[in-house]
């Protein structure tokens, strides 16, 4: 290389100094990961993995500050199953499908926490898909990050 001109044979390495082959290998691996046909799917799976951590961490413990757990939803579901009127005699904010399931299944609250976490991750998966269909990768990441870390959705997902 003479001055500021570079011959066609000269190559500039993008690897950090001292990394050598490992740096080039890491650059190629990341390039293959982010520039493949399935890179958006990999990104969605990473977002789902991050979203599953707070939903499944200490699933046996209630996260509600006043000690309210799925017991109230189980009680409301059983009241609905017994014939009480929904939203007039049963004061709840849960969706009817969840209360219906809580009413017909006998079990420990942990089972319902796992069911709620799986339902939440399914909803996030659908949001990721819709976000990708509407606006591509950036919208998918924005929707996934918001739905994964929104405190109210997370609070009701457990």
N, C-alpha and C. Protein backbone atom coordinates (compact mmCIF):
# COMPACT_ATOMS: atom_id res chain seq x y z
N UNK A 1 0.85 -1.15 0.00
CA UNK A 1 0.00 0.00 0.00
C UNK A 1 0.90 1.22 0.00
N UNK A 2 0.62 2.13 -0.89
CA UNK A 2 1.40 3.35 -1.01
C UNK A 2 0.49 4.52 -0.66
N UNK A 3 0.87 5.29 0.35
CA UNK A 3 0.07 6.45 0.74
C UNK A 3 -1.31 6.04 1.17
N UNK A 4 -2.33 6.59 0.49
CA UNK A 4 -3.70 6.27 0.84
C UNK A 4 -4.33 5.31 -0.15
N UNK A 5 -3.53 4.81 -1.11
CA UNK A 5 -4.07 3.89 -2.09
C UNK A 5 -3.79 2.47 -1.65
N UNK A 6 -4.72 1.59 -1.97
CA UNK A 6 -4.58 0.21 -1.58
C UNK A 6 -4.65 -0.65 -2.84
N UNK A 7 -3.74 -1.61 -2.96
CA UNK A 7 -3.80 -2.54 -4.07
C UNK A 7 -4.95 -3.51 -3.85
N UNK A 8 -5.37 -4.16 -4.94
CA UNK A 8 -6.47 -5.11 -4.83
C UNK A 8 -6.09 -6.30 -3.96
N UNK A 9 -4.85 -6.63 -3.88
CA UNK A 9 -4.42 -7.78 -3.09
C UNK A 9 -4.35 -7.50 -1.60
N UNK A 10 -4.29 -6.23 -1.20
CA UNK A 10 -4.21 -5.89 0.22
C UNK A 10 -5.57 -6.07 0.86
N UNK A 11 -5.59 -6.66 2.06
CA UNK A 11 -6.83 -6.86 2.80
C UNK A 11 -6.73 -6.20 4.15
N UNK A 12 -7.80 -5.64 4.58
CA UNK A 12 -7.85 -5.03 5.90
C UNK A 12 -8.64 -5.98 6.79
N UNK A 13 -8.05 -6.39 7.88
CA UNK A 13 -8.70 -7.32 8.79
C UNK A 13 -9.66 -6.57 9.71
N UNK A 14 -10.85 -7.14 9.87
CA UNK A 14 -11.82 -6.55 10.79
C UNK A 14 -11.76 -7.19 12.16
N UNK A 15 -10.92 -8.21 12.31
CA UNK A 15 -10.80 -8.89 13.60
C UNK A 15 -10.04 -7.99 14.57
N UNK A 16 -10.40 -8.04 15.85
CA UNK A 16 -9.68 -7.24 16.83
C UNK A 16 -8.22 -7.67 16.92
N UNK A 17 -7.38 -6.75 17.29
CA UNK A 17 -5.95 -7.05 17.37
C UNK A 17 -5.70 -8.15 18.40
N UNK A 18 -4.88 -9.12 18.06
CA UNK A 18 -4.54 -10.19 18.97
C UNK A 18 -5.51 -11.36 18.93
N UNK A 19 -6.63 -11.27 18.22
CA UNK A 19 -7.62 -12.34 18.19
C UNK A 19 -7.29 -13.35 17.09
N UNK A 20 -6.84 -12.88 15.95
CA UNK A 20 -6.43 -13.76 14.86
C UNK A 20 -7.58 -14.60 14.33
N UNK A 21 -7.37 -15.90 14.27
CA UNK A 21 -8.35 -16.82 13.69
C UNK A 21 -9.64 -16.87 14.50
N UNK A 22 -9.55 -16.74 15.80
CA UNK A 22 -10.75 -16.81 16.64
C UNK A 22 -11.66 -15.63 16.34
N UNK A 23 -11.10 -14.45 16.18
CA UNK A 23 -11.90 -13.27 15.85
C UNK A 23 -12.57 -13.39 14.50
N UNK A 24 -11.85 -13.90 13.51
CA UNK A 24 -12.44 -14.08 12.19
C UNK A 24 -13.52 -15.14 12.22
N UNK A 25 -13.28 -16.22 12.97
CA UNK A 25 -14.29 -17.27 13.09
C UNK A 25 -15.55 -16.74 13.75
N UNK A 26 -15.40 -15.94 14.80
CA UNK A 26 -16.56 -15.37 15.49
C UNK A 26 -17.31 -14.41 14.57
N UNK A 27 -16.58 -13.61 13.80
CA UNK A 27 -17.23 -12.69 12.86
C UNK A 27 -18.01 -13.45 11.80
N UNK A 28 -17.43 -14.53 11.27
CA UNK A 28 -18.13 -15.32 10.27
C UNK A 28 -19.34 -16.03 10.85
N UNK A 29 -19.21 -16.53 12.08
CA UNK A 29 -20.32 -17.21 12.73
C UNK A 29 -21.48 -16.25 12.98
N UNK A 30 -21.18 -15.07 13.48
CA UNK A 30 -22.23 -14.08 13.71
C UNK A 30 -22.84 -13.61 12.40
N UNK A 31 -22.02 -13.48 11.37
CA UNK A 31 -22.53 -13.08 10.07
C UNK A 31 -23.48 -14.14 9.53
N UNK A 32 -23.14 -15.40 9.68
CA UNK A 32 -24.04 -16.48 9.22
C UNK A 32 -25.31 -16.53 10.05
N UNK A 33 -25.21 -16.23 11.32
CA UNK A 33 -26.37 -16.27 12.20
C UNK A 33 -27.37 -15.17 11.86
N UNK A 34 -26.87 -13.96 11.64
CA UNK A 34 -27.75 -12.81 11.42
C UNK A 34 -28.14 -12.59 9.97
N UNK A 35 -27.50 -13.25 9.04
CA UNK A 35 -27.81 -13.03 7.63
C UNK A 35 -28.23 -14.31 6.94
N UNK A 36 -29.03 -15.10 7.63
CA UNK A 36 -29.56 -16.32 7.02
C UNK A 36 -31.05 -16.15 6.80
N UNK A 37 -31.60 -17.14 6.20
CA UNK A 37 -33.03 -17.15 5.94
C UNK A 37 -33.82 -17.23 7.24
N UNK A 38 -33.27 -17.87 8.25
CA UNK A 38 -33.96 -18.10 9.51
C UNK A 38 -33.55 -17.14 10.62
N UNK A 39 -32.88 -16.06 10.29
CA UNK A 39 -32.38 -15.16 11.34
C UNK A 39 -33.52 -14.52 12.13
N UNK A 40 -34.63 -14.21 11.49
CA UNK A 40 -35.76 -13.64 12.22
C UNK A 40 -36.37 -14.66 13.17
N UNK A 41 -36.39 -15.92 12.76
CA UNK A 41 -36.88 -16.98 13.64
C UNK A 41 -35.96 -17.14 14.85
N UNK A 42 -34.65 -17.11 14.63
CA UNK A 42 -33.71 -17.19 15.74
C UNK A 42 -33.90 -16.02 16.71
N UNK A 43 -34.11 -14.85 16.16
CA UNK A 43 -34.33 -13.67 16.98
C UNK A 43 -35.61 -13.80 17.80
N UNK A 44 -36.67 -14.32 17.19
CA UNK A 44 -37.93 -14.54 17.91
C UNK A 44 -37.75 -15.57 19.03
N UNK A 45 -36.97 -16.61 18.78
CA UNK A 45 -36.71 -17.61 19.82
C UNK A 45 -35.91 -17.03 20.98
N UNK A 46 -34.98 -16.15 20.68
CA UNK A 46 -34.22 -15.48 21.74
C UNK A 46 -35.15 -14.61 22.57
N UNK A 47 -36.05 -13.87 21.92
CA UNK A 47 -37.01 -13.03 22.65
C UNK A 47 -37.91 -13.89 23.52
N UNK A 48 -38.38 -15.03 23.00
CA UNK A 48 -39.22 -15.93 23.79
C UNK A 48 -38.45 -16.52 24.97
N UNK A 49 -37.18 -16.83 24.78
CA UNK A 49 -36.38 -17.35 25.89
C UNK A 49 -36.23 -16.30 26.99
N UNK A 50 -36.01 -15.05 26.59
CA UNK A 50 -35.92 -13.97 27.57
C UNK A 50 -37.26 -13.76 28.26
N UNK A 51 -38.36 -13.86 27.51
CA UNK A 51 -39.69 -13.68 28.08
C UNK A 51 -40.06 -14.80 29.03
N UNK A 52 -39.53 -15.99 28.83
CA UNK A 52 -39.88 -17.11 29.69
C UNK A 52 -39.18 -17.07 31.04
N UNK A 53 -38.08 -16.36 31.14
CA UNK A 53 -37.33 -16.33 32.41
C UNK A 53 -38.17 -15.78 33.56
N UNK A 54 -38.75 -14.56 33.46
CA UNK A 54 -39.52 -14.08 34.61
C UNK A 54 -40.84 -14.82 34.81
N UNK A 55 -41.36 -15.47 33.78
CA UNK A 55 -42.62 -16.18 33.92
C UNK A 55 -42.45 -17.54 34.58
N UNK A 56 -41.31 -18.17 34.39
CA UNK A 56 -41.10 -19.50 34.94
C UNK A 56 -40.17 -19.53 36.15
N UNK A 57 -39.56 -18.40 36.48
CA UNK A 57 -38.64 -18.33 37.62
C UNK A 57 -39.45 -18.40 38.92
N UNK A 58 -39.13 -19.31 39.79
CA UNK A 58 -39.85 -19.54 41.06
C UNK A 58 -41.35 -19.66 40.82
N UNK A 59 -41.72 -20.56 39.95
CA UNK A 59 -43.13 -20.71 39.58
C UNK A 59 -43.98 -21.19 40.76
N UNK A 60 -43.35 -21.78 41.77
CA UNK A 60 -44.11 -22.26 42.92
C UNK A 60 -44.47 -21.15 43.89
N UNK A 61 -43.88 -19.97 43.74
CA UNK A 61 -44.16 -18.86 44.65
C UNK A 61 -45.05 -17.83 43.96
N UNK A 62 -45.93 -17.21 44.75
CA UNK A 62 -46.77 -16.13 44.22
C UNK A 62 -45.92 -14.86 44.13
N UNK A 63 -46.11 -14.08 43.07
CA UNK A 63 -45.33 -12.85 42.92
C UNK A 63 -46.15 -11.62 43.27
N UNK A 64 -47.40 -11.81 43.61
CA UNK A 64 -48.26 -10.67 43.91
C UNK A 64 -47.91 -10.09 45.27
N UNK A 65 -47.85 -8.78 45.39
CA UNK A 65 -47.39 -8.17 46.64
C UNK A 65 -48.33 -8.38 47.83
N UNK A 66 -49.61 -8.55 47.60
CA UNK A 66 -50.54 -8.73 48.72
C UNK A 66 -50.87 -10.19 48.98
N UNK A 67 -50.14 -11.09 48.38
CA UNK A 67 -50.32 -12.50 48.64
C UNK A 67 -51.42 -13.15 47.81
N UNK A 68 -52.07 -12.39 46.93
CA UNK A 68 -53.13 -12.96 46.10
C UNK A 68 -52.48 -13.83 45.03
N UNK A 69 -53.00 -15.02 44.89
CA UNK A 69 -52.48 -15.90 43.86
C UNK A 69 -53.64 -16.46 43.05
N UNK A 70 -53.43 -17.57 42.41
CA UNK A 70 -54.45 -18.15 41.55
C UNK A 70 -55.63 -18.70 42.33
N UNK A 71 -55.55 -18.74 43.65
CA UNK A 71 -56.66 -19.24 44.47
C UNK A 71 -57.94 -18.46 44.25
N UNK A 72 -57.83 -17.15 44.07
CA UNK A 72 -59.02 -16.33 43.83
C UNK A 72 -59.62 -16.65 42.47
N UNK A 73 -58.79 -16.85 41.46
CA UNK A 73 -59.31 -17.22 40.15
C UNK A 73 -59.93 -18.61 40.17
N UNK A 74 -59.32 -19.53 40.93
CA UNK A 74 -59.88 -20.88 41.06
C UNK A 74 -61.26 -20.79 41.73
N UNK A 75 -61.36 -19.98 42.79
CA UNK A 75 -62.65 -19.81 43.47
C UNK A 75 -63.68 -19.20 42.53
N UNK A 76 -63.31 -18.17 41.76
CA UNK A 76 -64.24 -17.55 40.82
C UNK A 76 -64.67 -18.54 39.74
N UNK A 77 -63.75 -19.35 39.27
CA UNK A 77 -64.08 -20.37 38.27
C UNK A 77 -65.04 -21.41 38.80
N UNK A 78 -64.84 -21.82 40.03
CA UNK A 78 -65.76 -22.79 40.64
C UNK A 78 -67.13 -22.18 40.91
N UNK A 79 -67.16 -20.89 41.25
CA UNK A 79 -68.44 -20.20 41.44
C UNK A 79 -69.19 -20.13 40.10
N UNK A 80 -68.47 -19.84 39.03
CA UNK A 80 -69.09 -19.77 37.71
C UNK A 80 -69.61 -21.15 37.30
N UNK A 81 -68.82 -22.19 37.61
CA UNK A 81 -69.23 -23.56 37.31
C UNK A 81 -70.46 -23.96 38.12
N UNK A 82 -70.63 -23.37 39.30
CA UNK A 82 -71.79 -23.67 40.16
C UNK A 82 -73.04 -22.90 39.74
N UNK A 83 -72.91 -21.92 38.82
CA UNK A 83 -74.09 -21.23 38.32
C UNK A 83 -74.17 -19.75 38.65
N UNK A 84 -73.18 -19.19 39.30
CA UNK A 84 -73.20 -17.75 39.58
C UNK A 84 -73.03 -16.97 38.28
N UNK A 85 -73.57 -15.76 38.25
CA UNK A 85 -73.50 -14.90 37.07
C UNK A 85 -72.11 -14.26 36.96
N UNK A 86 -71.60 -14.30 35.74
CA UNK A 86 -70.27 -13.77 35.47
C UNK A 86 -70.32 -12.25 35.43
N UNK A 87 -69.41 -11.59 36.09
CA UNK A 87 -69.22 -10.14 36.17
C UNK A 87 -70.30 -9.42 36.98
N UNK A 88 -71.38 -10.08 37.35
CA UNK A 88 -72.36 -9.43 38.22
C UNK A 88 -72.26 -10.00 39.63
N UNK A 89 -72.25 -11.31 39.76
CA UNK A 89 -72.09 -11.94 41.07
C UNK A 89 -70.64 -12.33 41.34
N UNK A 90 -69.85 -12.44 40.29
CA UNK A 90 -68.43 -12.79 40.42
C UNK A 90 -67.63 -11.57 39.99
N UNK A 91 -66.96 -10.94 40.93
CA UNK A 91 -66.16 -9.75 40.63
C UNK A 91 -64.74 -10.18 40.28
N UNK A 92 -64.41 -10.15 38.99
CA UNK A 92 -63.09 -10.58 38.55
C UNK A 92 -62.69 -9.82 37.29
N UNK A 93 -61.41 -9.82 37.02
CA UNK A 93 -60.89 -9.18 35.81
C UNK A 93 -60.29 -10.21 34.85
N UNK A 94 -60.35 -11.47 35.22
CA UNK A 94 -59.80 -12.51 34.36
C UNK A 94 -60.69 -12.77 33.17
N UNK A 95 -60.08 -13.29 32.12
CA UNK A 95 -60.82 -13.64 30.92
C UNK A 95 -61.71 -14.86 31.17
N UNK A 96 -62.85 -14.93 30.49
CA UNK A 96 -63.77 -16.05 30.73
C UNK A 96 -63.17 -17.43 30.44
N UNK A 97 -62.32 -17.54 29.44
CA UNK A 97 -61.74 -18.84 29.13
C UNK A 97 -60.89 -19.35 30.27
N UNK A 98 -60.07 -18.48 30.85
CA UNK A 98 -59.22 -18.90 31.96
C UNK A 98 -60.07 -19.31 33.17
N UNK A 99 -61.11 -18.54 33.47
CA UNK A 99 -61.97 -18.89 34.61
C UNK A 99 -62.72 -20.19 34.35
N UNK A 100 -63.11 -20.42 33.12
CA UNK A 100 -63.77 -21.68 32.78
C UNK A 100 -62.83 -22.85 33.04
N UNK A 101 -61.59 -22.70 32.61
CA UNK A 101 -60.60 -23.76 32.82
C UNK A 101 -60.31 -23.93 34.31
N UNK A 102 -60.19 -22.80 35.05
CA UNK A 102 -59.97 -22.89 36.49
C UNK A 102 -61.12 -23.58 37.19
N UNK A 103 -62.34 -23.44 36.67
CA UNK A 103 -63.50 -24.04 37.31
C UNK A 103 -63.63 -25.53 37.07
N UNK A 104 -63.19 -26.01 35.92
CA UNK A 104 -63.40 -27.43 35.61
C UNK A 104 -62.22 -28.32 36.01
N UNK A 105 -61.06 -27.73 36.24
CA UNK A 105 -59.88 -28.54 36.57
C UNK A 105 -59.62 -28.46 38.07
N UNK A 106 -59.49 -29.59 38.68
CA UNK A 106 -59.10 -29.66 40.09
C UNK A 106 -57.58 -29.73 40.14
N UNK A 107 -56.97 -28.91 40.97
CA UNK A 107 -55.52 -28.98 41.02
C UNK A 107 -54.91 -27.91 41.88
N UNK A 108 -53.61 -27.99 41.97
CA UNK A 108 -52.79 -27.06 42.73
C UNK A 108 -52.65 -25.75 41.97
N UNK A 109 -52.51 -24.60 42.65
CA UNK A 109 -52.30 -23.34 41.93
C UNK A 109 -51.07 -23.33 41.02
N UNK A 110 -50.08 -24.17 41.29
CA UNK A 110 -48.88 -24.21 40.45
C UNK A 110 -49.24 -24.66 39.04
N UNK A 111 -50.19 -25.58 38.92
CA UNK A 111 -50.63 -26.04 37.60
C UNK A 111 -51.20 -24.87 36.81
N UNK A 112 -51.97 -24.03 37.49
CA UNK A 112 -52.57 -22.88 36.81
C UNK A 112 -51.53 -21.81 36.50
N UNK A 113 -50.51 -21.68 37.33
CA UNK A 113 -49.42 -20.74 37.01
C UNK A 113 -48.68 -21.19 35.77
N UNK A 114 -48.41 -22.48 35.66
CA UNK A 114 -47.74 -23.00 34.47
C UNK A 114 -48.63 -22.80 33.24
N UNK A 115 -49.93 -23.06 33.39
CA UNK A 115 -50.85 -22.85 32.27
C UNK A 115 -50.88 -21.38 31.87
N UNK A 116 -50.90 -20.48 32.84
CA UNK A 116 -50.89 -19.04 32.53
C UNK A 116 -49.60 -18.63 31.85
N UNK A 117 -48.46 -19.17 32.30
CA UNK A 117 -47.17 -18.84 31.68
C UNK A 117 -47.12 -19.35 30.24
N UNK A 118 -47.62 -20.55 30.00
CA UNK A 118 -47.64 -21.09 28.64
C UNK A 118 -48.57 -20.27 27.75
N UNK A 119 -49.72 -19.88 28.29
CA UNK A 119 -50.64 -19.03 27.53
C UNK A 119 -50.00 -17.69 27.20
N UNK A 120 -49.29 -17.13 28.16
CA UNK A 120 -48.62 -15.85 27.95
C UNK A 120 -47.56 -15.96 26.86
N UNK A 121 -46.76 -17.02 26.89
CA UNK A 121 -45.73 -17.20 25.87
C UNK A 121 -46.34 -17.47 24.50
N UNK A 122 -47.50 -18.12 24.48
CA UNK A 122 -48.21 -18.33 23.22
C UNK A 122 -48.69 -17.00 22.66
N UNK A 123 -49.21 -16.13 23.52
CA UNK A 123 -49.65 -14.80 23.09
C UNK A 123 -48.47 -13.99 22.56
N UNK A 124 -47.34 -14.04 23.26
CA UNK A 124 -46.15 -13.33 22.79
C UNK A 124 -45.69 -13.87 21.44
N UNK A 125 -45.77 -15.19 21.24
CA UNK A 125 -45.41 -15.78 19.94
C UNK A 125 -46.30 -15.25 18.84
N UNK A 126 -47.60 -15.17 19.12
CA UNK A 126 -48.53 -14.63 18.11
C UNK A 126 -48.24 -13.16 17.83
N UNK A 127 -47.91 -12.40 18.88
CA UNK A 127 -47.57 -10.99 18.68
C UNK A 127 -46.30 -10.84 17.85
N UNK A 128 -45.32 -11.69 18.09
CA UNK A 128 -44.09 -11.66 17.30
C UNK A 128 -44.39 -11.95 15.83
N UNK A 129 -45.23 -12.93 15.58
CA UNK A 129 -45.57 -13.29 14.21
C UNK A 129 -46.31 -12.15 13.51
N UNK A 130 -47.30 -11.58 14.21
CA UNK A 130 -48.07 -10.47 13.62
C UNK A 130 -47.16 -9.25 13.39
N UNK A 131 -46.30 -8.95 14.37
CA UNK A 131 -45.37 -7.83 14.22
C UNK A 131 -44.45 -8.02 13.04
N UNK A 132 -43.98 -9.25 12.84
CA UNK A 132 -43.10 -9.54 11.70
C UNK A 132 -43.86 -9.41 10.39
N UNK A 133 -45.09 -9.88 10.36
CA UNK A 133 -45.89 -9.79 9.14
C UNK A 133 -46.23 -8.34 8.78
N UNK A 134 -46.46 -7.52 9.80
CA UNK A 134 -46.85 -6.13 9.54
C UNK A 134 -45.65 -5.26 9.19
N UNK A 135 -44.58 -5.35 10.00
CA UNK A 135 -43.50 -4.39 9.80
C UNK A 135 -42.11 -4.96 9.74
N UNK A 136 -41.97 -6.27 9.71
CA UNK A 136 -40.65 -6.86 9.60
C UNK A 136 -39.96 -7.04 10.94
N UNK A 137 -38.65 -7.15 10.86
CA UNK A 137 -37.83 -7.49 12.03
C UNK A 137 -37.92 -6.44 13.13
N UNK A 138 -37.88 -5.16 12.78
CA UNK A 138 -37.85 -4.11 13.80
C UNK A 138 -39.16 -4.05 14.58
N UNK A 139 -40.27 -4.20 13.90
CA UNK A 139 -41.56 -4.20 14.59
C UNK A 139 -41.68 -5.44 15.46
N UNK A 140 -41.20 -6.58 14.97
CA UNK A 140 -41.24 -7.81 15.74
C UNK A 140 -40.45 -7.66 17.04
N UNK A 141 -39.27 -7.09 16.96
CA UNK A 141 -38.45 -6.90 18.16
C UNK A 141 -39.10 -5.92 19.12
N UNK A 142 -39.67 -4.83 18.60
CA UNK A 142 -40.31 -3.84 19.47
C UNK A 142 -41.52 -4.43 20.19
N UNK A 143 -42.36 -5.14 19.45
CA UNK A 143 -43.54 -5.76 20.06
C UNK A 143 -43.12 -6.83 21.05
N UNK A 144 -42.15 -7.64 20.68
CA UNK A 144 -41.69 -8.70 21.58
C UNK A 144 -41.07 -8.17 22.85
N UNK A 145 -40.26 -7.12 22.73
CA UNK A 145 -39.64 -6.53 23.92
C UNK A 145 -40.69 -5.92 24.83
N UNK A 146 -41.66 -5.22 24.25
CA UNK A 146 -42.70 -4.61 25.07
C UNK A 146 -43.56 -5.67 25.76
N UNK A 147 -44.00 -6.67 25.02
CA UNK A 147 -44.87 -7.70 25.61
C UNK A 147 -44.11 -8.57 26.61
N UNK A 148 -42.83 -8.78 26.38
CA UNK A 148 -42.05 -9.62 27.28
C UNK A 148 -41.79 -8.95 28.62
N UNK A 149 -41.61 -7.64 28.61
CA UNK A 149 -41.20 -6.94 29.81
C UNK A 149 -42.24 -5.99 30.38
N UNK A 150 -43.44 -5.94 29.80
CA UNK A 150 -44.49 -5.10 30.33
C UNK A 150 -44.92 -5.64 31.69
N UNK A 151 -44.84 -4.81 32.71
CA UNK A 151 -45.07 -5.28 34.08
C UNK A 151 -46.51 -5.75 34.31
N UNK A 152 -47.48 -5.09 33.73
CA UNK A 152 -48.86 -5.52 33.93
C UNK A 152 -49.12 -6.86 33.26
N UNK A 153 -48.63 -7.03 32.04
CA UNK A 153 -48.80 -8.32 31.35
C UNK A 153 -48.03 -9.41 32.08
N UNK A 154 -46.84 -9.08 32.55
CA UNK A 154 -46.06 -10.05 33.31
C UNK A 154 -46.75 -10.40 34.61
N UNK A 155 -47.31 -9.42 35.28
CA UNK A 155 -48.01 -9.64 36.54
C UNK A 155 -49.21 -10.60 36.35
N UNK A 156 -49.94 -10.41 35.26
CA UNK A 156 -51.10 -11.26 35.01
C UNK A 156 -50.71 -12.55 34.30
N UNK A 157 -49.46 -12.68 33.87
CA UNK A 157 -49.01 -13.90 33.20
C UNK A 157 -48.52 -14.94 34.18
N UNK A 158 -48.48 -14.61 35.40
CA UNK A 158 -48.00 -15.52 36.42
C UNK A 158 -49.12 -15.90 37.30
